[in-house]
């Protein structure tokens, strides 16, 4: 026996439907993400920040590369610029230097950031471009068949590492720290409030901001590593996260196979736009 349909007037409205592309087109947010994927909650968090903070989508352009998260523009606010794999920071650099009033937000995957796009990420951090990089880390190449990624933990399984991955995973936060980033934070999909707070901090921070968020991939990473249920891999990520305050009192053996979450760095230094426009203004003054 089927349940009676809920009258249209009684159906609750989605609070961020009008912020999304599909919400504006179809009246409700529509996505194509896998069941249990953490990217949906990340997309909703970004929508919530744009709406709650009343952000101007023109001032904060969203740049999206290639990966499973390429579907996020369906549920993201404003206009998303789709770019080549790994080139998000390069496009953001061009936008920001052309118009210093802009604050580009480059949304990238882990393969996007620290494989094909590593050089662009490093140089954007080195130049301290006034932008925000949000790196979605699901530890695998989910869109192209579940291949091993630079962030796949040692010993874990993937389509191309059926006997376990033998290489150490890259630490993207430490990479951009060494390159010159001025704000770094790392969270998981189990820490969405903290993640959103870090995005707000990054938007108000002048300089290169890098926020990594560990997210679950049920279809490939979870299934290949005997965590095919969304809640299993969600708990696996949550239980391996150690807050930075606690990590200070732990030894390397205790931190093995864990990752540190929290605000990892926040410093101030001139951005590339500051230095370039200072030179331009100085030359203009001398020419008068």
Protein backbone atom coordinates (compact mmCIF):
# COMPACT_ATOMS: atom_id res chain seq x y z
CA UNK A 1 0.00 0.00 0.00
CA UNK A 2 1.49 3.29 -1.05
CA UNK A 3 1.55 6.27 1.29
CA UNK A 4 -0.52 9.31 0.35
CA UNK A 5 1.41 12.07 -1.37
CA UNK A 6 2.39 15.03 0.78
CA UNK A 7 0.53 18.14 -0.39
CA UNK A 8 2.85 20.52 -2.19
CA UNK A 9 2.24 23.28 0.35
CA UNK A 10 3.49 21.00 3.13
CA UNK A 11 6.76 20.02 1.46
CA UNK A 12 9.66 21.87 3.13
CA UNK A 13 11.69 24.10 0.84
CA UNK A 14 15.39 23.36 0.55
CA UNK A 15 17.13 26.29 2.32
CA UNK A 16 19.83 26.62 -0.35
CA UNK A 17 17.94 25.55 -3.48
CA UNK A 18 18.01 29.06 -4.94
CA UNK A 19 21.82 29.13 -4.56
CA UNK A 20 22.39 26.14 -6.85
CA UNK A 21 22.35 25.87 -10.63
CA UNK A 22 19.90 22.96 -10.67
CA UNK A 23 17.83 24.62 -7.95
CA UNK A 24 17.32 27.67 -10.15
CA UNK A 25 16.61 25.52 -13.21
CA UNK A 26 14.52 22.69 -11.76
CA UNK A 27 13.37 24.13 -8.46
CA UNK A 28 15.39 21.72 -6.32
CA UNK A 29 19.09 20.76 -6.04
CA UNK A 30 20.02 17.79 -8.22
CA UNK A 31 23.37 16.00 -8.21
CA UNK A 32 24.93 12.91 -9.77
CA UNK A 33 27.27 11.95 -6.94
CA UNK A 34 27.53 8.37 -5.68
CA UNK A 35 25.57 7.24 -2.63
CA UNK A 36 27.55 8.14 0.46
CA UNK A 37 30.02 10.45 -1.30
CA UNK A 38 31.17 13.29 0.95
CA UNK A 39 31.26 15.84 -1.85
CA UNK A 40 27.56 16.62 -1.50
CA UNK A 41 28.00 17.85 2.06
CA UNK A 42 31.02 19.90 0.95
CA UNK A 43 28.96 21.52 -1.80
CA UNK A 44 26.18 22.31 0.64
CA UNK A 45 28.67 23.84 3.09
CA UNK A 46 29.97 26.18 0.39
CA UNK A 47 26.39 27.15 -0.55
CA UNK A 48 25.60 27.85 3.09
CA UNK A 49 28.62 30.12 3.46
CA UNK A 50 27.72 32.08 0.32
CA UNK A 51 24.14 32.55 1.50
CA UNK A 52 24.78 33.20 5.20
CA UNK A 53 27.67 35.59 4.53
CA UNK A 54 25.87 37.18 1.56
CA UNK A 55 28.94 36.75 -0.62
CA UNK A 56 29.02 38.35 -4.05
CA UNK A 57 29.56 35.49 -6.55
CA UNK A 58 31.31 37.93 -8.90
CA UNK A 59 33.93 38.77 -6.28
CA UNK A 60 34.42 35.12 -5.29
CA UNK A 61 34.60 33.13 -8.56
CA UNK A 62 34.56 29.36 -8.17
CA UNK A 63 37.10 27.45 -10.24
CA UNK A 64 36.52 23.72 -10.68
CA UNK A 65 38.91 21.24 -12.29
CA UNK A 66 38.54 17.60 -13.38
CA UNK A 67 37.47 14.79 -11.08
CA UNK A 68 34.36 13.37 -9.44
CA UNK A 69 33.85 16.83 -7.96
CA UNK A 70 33.43 18.24 -11.50
CA UNK A 71 29.73 17.56 -10.87
CA UNK A 72 29.68 20.03 -7.97
CA UNK A 73 28.77 23.08 -10.13
CA UNK A 74 25.26 21.56 -10.28
CA UNK A 75 24.90 22.37 -6.59
CA UNK A 76 27.36 25.24 -6.17
CA UNK A 77 26.37 28.92 -5.90
CA UNK A 78 27.06 31.53 -8.54
CA UNK A 79 29.07 30.70 -11.64
CA UNK A 80 31.72 27.99 -11.76
CA UNK A 81 34.60 28.15 -14.22
CA UNK A 82 35.50 24.68 -15.47
CA UNK A 83 39.24 24.40 -16.19
CA UNK A 84 41.76 21.80 -17.31
CA UNK A 85 42.94 19.10 -14.91
CA UNK A 86 45.27 20.63 -12.30
CA UNK A 87 45.16 24.17 -13.70
CA UNK A 88 42.85 25.72 -11.09
CA UNK A 89 45.57 27.71 -9.25
CA UNK A 90 46.98 28.97 -12.57
CA UNK A 91 43.58 30.29 -13.69
CA UNK A 92 42.98 31.77 -10.23
CA UNK A 93 46.39 33.49 -10.42
CA UNK A 94 45.43 35.10 -13.72
CA UNK A 95 42.08 36.29 -12.40
CA UNK A 96 43.52 37.69 -9.19
CA UNK A 97 46.43 39.55 -10.82
CA UNK A 98 44.11 41.02 -13.44
CA UNK A 99 41.67 42.23 -10.81
CA UNK A 100 43.07 42.33 -7.23
CA UNK A 101 39.52 42.87 -5.91
CA UNK A 102 38.68 39.26 -6.76
CA UNK A 103 39.17 36.37 -4.33
CA UNK A 104 39.15 33.20 -6.47
CA UNK A 105 38.17 29.92 -4.81
CA UNK A 106 39.81 26.96 -6.52
CA UNK A 107 38.10 23.66 -5.71
CA UNK A 108 40.34 20.72 -6.53
CA UNK A 109 40.73 17.01 -5.97
CA UNK A 110 43.81 15.41 -4.48
CA UNK A 111 44.93 14.07 -7.86
CA UNK A 112 44.19 17.47 -9.36
CA UNK A 113 46.30 19.25 -6.76
CA UNK A 114 49.29 17.02 -6.08
CA UNK A 115 49.69 15.01 -9.27
CA UNK A 116 49.12 16.71 -12.61
CA UNK A 117 48.72 20.14 -10.97
CA UNK A 118 51.48 20.02 -8.36
CA UNK A 119 53.59 22.68 -10.05
CA UNK A 120 50.67 25.12 -10.31
CA UNK A 121 49.80 24.58 -6.64
CA UNK A 122 53.39 25.14 -5.51
CA UNK A 123 53.87 28.35 -7.49
CA UNK A 124 50.54 29.84 -6.39
CA UNK A 125 51.63 29.22 -2.78
CA UNK A 126 55.14 30.54 -3.44
CA UNK A 127 53.75 33.75 -4.90
CA UNK A 128 51.24 34.08 -2.03
CA UNK A 129 48.39 34.69 -4.46
CA UNK A 130 45.32 36.05 -2.66
CA UNK A 131 43.11 33.01 -3.28
CA UNK A 132 41.62 29.98 -1.55
CA UNK A 133 42.35 26.38 -2.57
CA UNK A 134 39.94 23.78 -1.20
CA UNK A 135 41.44 20.34 -1.78
CA UNK A 136 38.97 17.45 -1.60
CA UNK A 137 41.00 14.41 -0.56
CA UNK A 138 39.28 11.07 -1.19
CA UNK A 139 42.61 9.24 -1.52
CA UNK A 140 41.89 7.75 -4.94
CA UNK A 141 41.09 8.58 -8.56
CA UNK A 142 37.36 8.03 -8.29
CA UNK A 143 36.17 9.36 -11.65
CA UNK A 144 38.48 7.31 -13.89
CA UNK A 145 38.17 3.87 -12.32
CA UNK A 146 39.68 3.85 -8.85
CA UNK A 147 43.38 4.11 -9.63
CA UNK A 148 45.95 4.77 -6.92
CA UNK A 149 46.54 8.47 -6.15
CA UNK A 150 49.49 10.36 -4.59
CA UNK A 151 47.39 10.59 -1.41
CA UNK A 152 46.52 6.88 -1.17
CA UNK A 153 47.80 5.66 2.22
CA UNK A 154 50.55 3.03 2.18
CA UNK A 155 49.14 -0.48 2.19
CA UNK A 156 45.68 0.46 0.92
CA UNK A 157 44.12 -1.10 -2.15
CA UNK A 158 42.96 0.35 -5.43
CA UNK A 159 42.33 -0.78 -9.00
CA UNK A 160 46.02 -0.33 -9.82
CA UNK A 161 47.37 -1.54 -6.47
CA UNK A 162 45.56 -4.87 -5.98
CA UNK A 163 48.30 -6.09 -3.60
CA UNK A 164 48.53 -2.87 -1.57
CA UNK A 165 50.11 0.50 -2.34
CA UNK A 166 53.82 0.48 -1.51
CA UNK A 167 54.57 4.23 -1.70
CA UNK A 168 54.20 6.85 1.07
CA UNK A 169 51.30 9.26 0.66
CA UNK A 170 52.10 12.90 -0.06
CA UNK A 171 51.23 15.46 2.62
CA UNK A 172 49.73 18.33 0.64
CA UNK A 173 49.54 20.64 3.66
CA UNK A 174 53.26 20.29 4.35
CA UNK A 175 53.99 20.77 0.65
CA UNK A 176 52.24 24.15 0.47
CA UNK A 177 53.72 25.15 3.84
CA UNK A 178 57.21 24.64 2.41
CA UNK A 179 56.23 26.47 -0.77
CA UNK A 180 55.06 29.59 1.08
CA UNK A 181 51.33 29.35 1.89
CA UNK A 182 50.16 31.75 4.60
CA UNK A 183 47.01 29.97 5.81
CA UNK A 184 46.63 26.17 6.04
CA UNK A 185 43.87 24.08 7.59
CA UNK A 186 42.83 20.45 7.37
CA UNK A 187 39.48 18.86 8.29
CA UNK A 188 37.24 15.91 7.40
CA UNK A 189 33.58 15.52 6.43
CA UNK A 190 33.03 14.63 10.10
CA UNK A 191 34.13 18.16 11.04
CA UNK A 192 31.93 20.30 8.79
CA UNK A 193 31.44 23.18 11.22
CA UNK A 194 35.19 23.55 11.62
CA UNK A 195 35.63 23.26 7.84
CA UNK A 196 33.13 26.06 7.24
CA UNK A 197 34.80 28.23 9.88
CA UNK A 198 38.15 27.74 8.12
CA UNK A 199 36.64 28.78 4.78
CA UNK A 200 35.36 31.99 6.39
CA UNK A 201 38.80 32.60 7.89
CA UNK A 202 40.44 32.00 4.51
CA UNK A 203 38.08 34.42 2.77
CA UNK A 204 39.12 37.14 5.21
CA UNK A 205 42.82 36.24 5.07
CA UNK A 206 44.94 38.11 2.56
CA UNK A 207 47.22 35.62 0.86
CA UNK A 208 47.32 32.02 -0.29
CA UNK A 209 44.96 29.87 1.77
CA UNK A 210 44.89 26.07 1.54
CA UNK A 211 42.13 24.00 3.11
CA UNK A 212 42.26 20.22 2.81
CA UNK A 213 39.18 18.16 3.61
CA UNK A 214 39.27 14.36 3.81
CA UNK A 215 36.16 12.93 2.19
CA UNK A 216 34.78 9.44 1.72
CA UNK A 217 34.73 7.63 -1.64
CA UNK A 218 32.47 4.64 -1.12
CA UNK A 219 32.44 3.34 -4.68
CA UNK A 220 36.18 2.81 -5.09
CA UNK A 221 38.30 3.51 -2.02
CA UNK A 222 35.73 2.13 0.37
CA UNK A 223 34.79 -0.91 -1.70
CA UNK A 224 38.39 -1.81 -2.51
CA UNK A 225 39.32 -1.60 1.18
CA UNK A 226 36.34 -3.53 2.60
CA UNK A 227 34.41 -0.43 3.63
CA UNK A 228 31.61 -0.52 1.08
CA UNK A 229 29.01 0.94 3.46
CA UNK A 230 29.11 4.76 3.64
CA UNK A 231 29.09 4.80 7.43
CA UNK A 232 32.12 2.46 7.57
CA UNK A 233 34.46 4.66 5.56
CA UNK A 234 33.05 7.78 7.26
CA UNK A 235 34.04 6.35 10.64
CA UNK A 236 37.41 5.20 9.24
CA UNK A 237 38.25 8.78 8.26
CA UNK A 238 36.87 10.27 11.46
CA UNK A 239 38.78 7.86 13.70
CA UNK A 240 42.12 8.59 12.00
CA UNK A 241 41.83 12.34 12.47
CA UNK A 242 43.74 13.81 15.41
CA UNK A 243 43.27 17.44 16.41
CA UNK A 244 46.45 19.48 16.40
CA UNK A 245 46.22 20.23 20.13
CA UNK A 246 46.18 16.52 20.97
CA UNK A 247 48.85 15.66 18.40
CA UNK A 248 51.39 17.90 20.17
CA UNK A 249 51.50 15.38 23.03
CA UNK A 250 51.72 12.27 20.82
CA UNK A 251 54.89 10.58 19.58
CA UNK A 252 55.50 9.54 15.94
CA UNK A 253 54.48 5.94 16.64
CA UNK A 254 51.14 7.08 18.07
CA UNK A 255 50.57 9.31 15.04
CA UNK A 256 51.32 6.53 12.55
CA UNK A 257 48.48 6.12 10.04
CA UNK A 258 46.80 9.24 11.49
CA UNK A 259 46.47 12.72 10.05
CA UNK A 260 46.44 15.97 11.97
CA UNK A 261 43.44 18.26 11.62
CA UNK A 262 42.94 21.88 12.63
CA UNK A 263 44.39 25.25 11.69
CA UNK A 264 47.98 24.32 10.88
CA UNK A 265 49.36 27.75 9.90
CA UNK A 266 48.32 31.40 9.82
CA UNK A 267 50.88 34.08 9.06
CA UNK A 268 50.95 37.41 7.23
CA UNK A 269 53.18 38.49 4.36
CA UNK A 270 52.78 40.55 1.16
CA UNK A 271 50.88 39.02 -1.74
CA UNK A 272 52.14 39.08 -5.32
CA UNK A 273 49.43 41.61 -6.22
CA UNK A 274 50.61 43.91 -3.43
CA UNK A 275 54.18 43.86 -4.74
CA UNK A 276 53.30 44.16 -8.44
CA UNK A 277 50.87 47.04 -7.98
CA UNK A 278 53.31 48.82 -5.69
CA UNK A 279 55.87 48.77 -8.51
CA UNK A 280 53.24 50.03 -10.97
CA UNK A 281 52.15 52.86 -8.68
CA UNK A 282 55.76 53.83 -7.96
CA UNK A 283 56.51 54.04 -11.68
CA UNK A 284 53.39 56.13 -12.26
CA UNK A 285 54.46 58.54 -9.51
CA UNK A 286 57.93 58.93 -11.01
CA UNK A 287 56.56 59.58 -14.48
CA UNK A 288 54.49 62.57 -13.35
